[in-house]
Protein backbone atom coordinates (compact mmCIF):
# COMPACT_ATOMS: atom_id res chain seq x y z
CA MET A 1 -4.58 -6.22 -5.68
CA ILE A 2 -4.14 -7.66 -2.19
CA LYS A 3 -7.10 -9.22 -0.46
CA LEU A 4 -5.79 -10.19 2.93
CA LYS A 5 -7.57 -9.94 6.25
CA ILE A 6 -5.64 -10.27 9.47
CA LYS A 7 -6.48 -10.41 13.17
CA TYR A 8 -4.31 -8.63 15.73
CA ILE A 9 -3.08 -11.16 18.29
CA GLY A 10 -0.73 -8.88 20.22
CA GLU A 11 -1.35 -6.75 23.28
CA ARG A 12 -2.71 -3.22 23.24
CA GLU A 13 -0.16 -2.11 25.83
CA ILE A 14 3.56 -2.81 25.32
CA ASP A 15 6.36 -2.32 27.84
CA THR A 16 9.57 -0.83 26.48
CA PRO A 17 13.12 -1.48 27.79
CA ASN A 18 13.16 1.98 29.43
CA SER A 19 9.98 1.24 31.49
CA TYR A 20 7.63 3.31 29.33
CA LYS A 21 4.37 1.86 28.09
CA ILE A 22 3.31 2.20 24.47
CA PHE A 23 -0.37 1.89 23.60
CA MET A 24 -0.95 0.38 20.17
CA ASP A 25 -3.60 1.77 17.85
CA VAL A 26 -4.83 -1.74 17.03
CA ILE A 27 -7.32 -3.75 19.06
CA PRO A 28 -6.66 -7.36 20.08
CA ASN A 29 -8.81 -9.85 18.12
CA LYS A 30 -10.06 -7.17 15.70
CA ILE A 31 -9.83 -7.97 12.00
CA TYR A 32 -8.07 -5.51 9.69
CA GLU A 33 -7.69 -5.42 5.92
CA VAL A 34 -4.14 -5.24 4.57
CA LEU A 35 -3.62 -2.37 2.13
CA SER A 36 -0.15 -3.53 1.08
CA ILE A 37 2.88 -5.49 2.22
CA GLU A 38 6.05 -3.42 2.36
CA LYS A 39 9.44 -4.91 3.26
CA GLY A 40 7.61 -7.73 5.05
CA PHE A 41 5.32 -5.46 7.11
CA TYR A 42 1.54 -5.12 6.79
CA ARG A 43 0.16 -1.67 6.00
CA ILE A 44 -3.27 -1.31 7.62
CA VAL A 45 -5.60 1.49 8.67
CA ASP A 46 -5.58 1.34 12.46
CA GLU A 47 -7.82 2.91 15.12
CA SER A 48 -6.22 6.32 14.53
CA GLU A 49 -7.82 6.11 11.05
CA GLU A 50 -4.35 6.48 9.51
CA ASP A 51 -2.41 3.78 7.67
CA TYR A 52 0.75 2.43 9.31
CA LEU A 53 3.10 -0.53 8.96
CA TYR A 54 2.86 -3.34 11.52
CA PRO A 55 4.99 -6.47 12.01
CA PRO A 56 3.32 -9.66 10.73
CA GLU A 57 4.22 -11.71 13.82
CA LYS A 58 1.59 -9.73 15.76
CA PHE A 59 -1.19 -10.85 13.40
CA GLU A 60 -2.94 -14.02 12.30
CA ILE A 61 -4.20 -14.37 8.72
CA VAL A 62 -7.94 -14.98 8.71
CA ASP A 63 -8.69 -14.63 4.99
CA ASN A 64 -6.33 -14.64 2.04
CA SER A 65 -8.71 -15.79 -0.67
CA PRO A 66 -8.23 -14.33 -4.15
CA PRO A 67 -10.64 -11.60 -5.26
CA ALA A 68 -13.82 -12.89 -6.88
CA HIS A 69 -14.05 -12.45 -10.65
CA ILE A 70 -17.06 -10.65 -12.03
CA VAL A 71 -18.88 -12.67 -14.67
CA ALA A 72 -20.98 -10.66 -17.11
């Protein structure tokens, strides 16, 4: 089980080589929980409320502590 929280450090609006603008469904400085890591990309639920893969260089890890064990 992955317990990894990341903060988006990229821009919401991205220029493409053909002069179009792409608006990302992640918010700068918002913290997201990683569902999985697939081929080096983070799978998160973004503002569209769907899960998508995002490149790790656009995020900063804010919490990667192991899950707490339950003691009975």
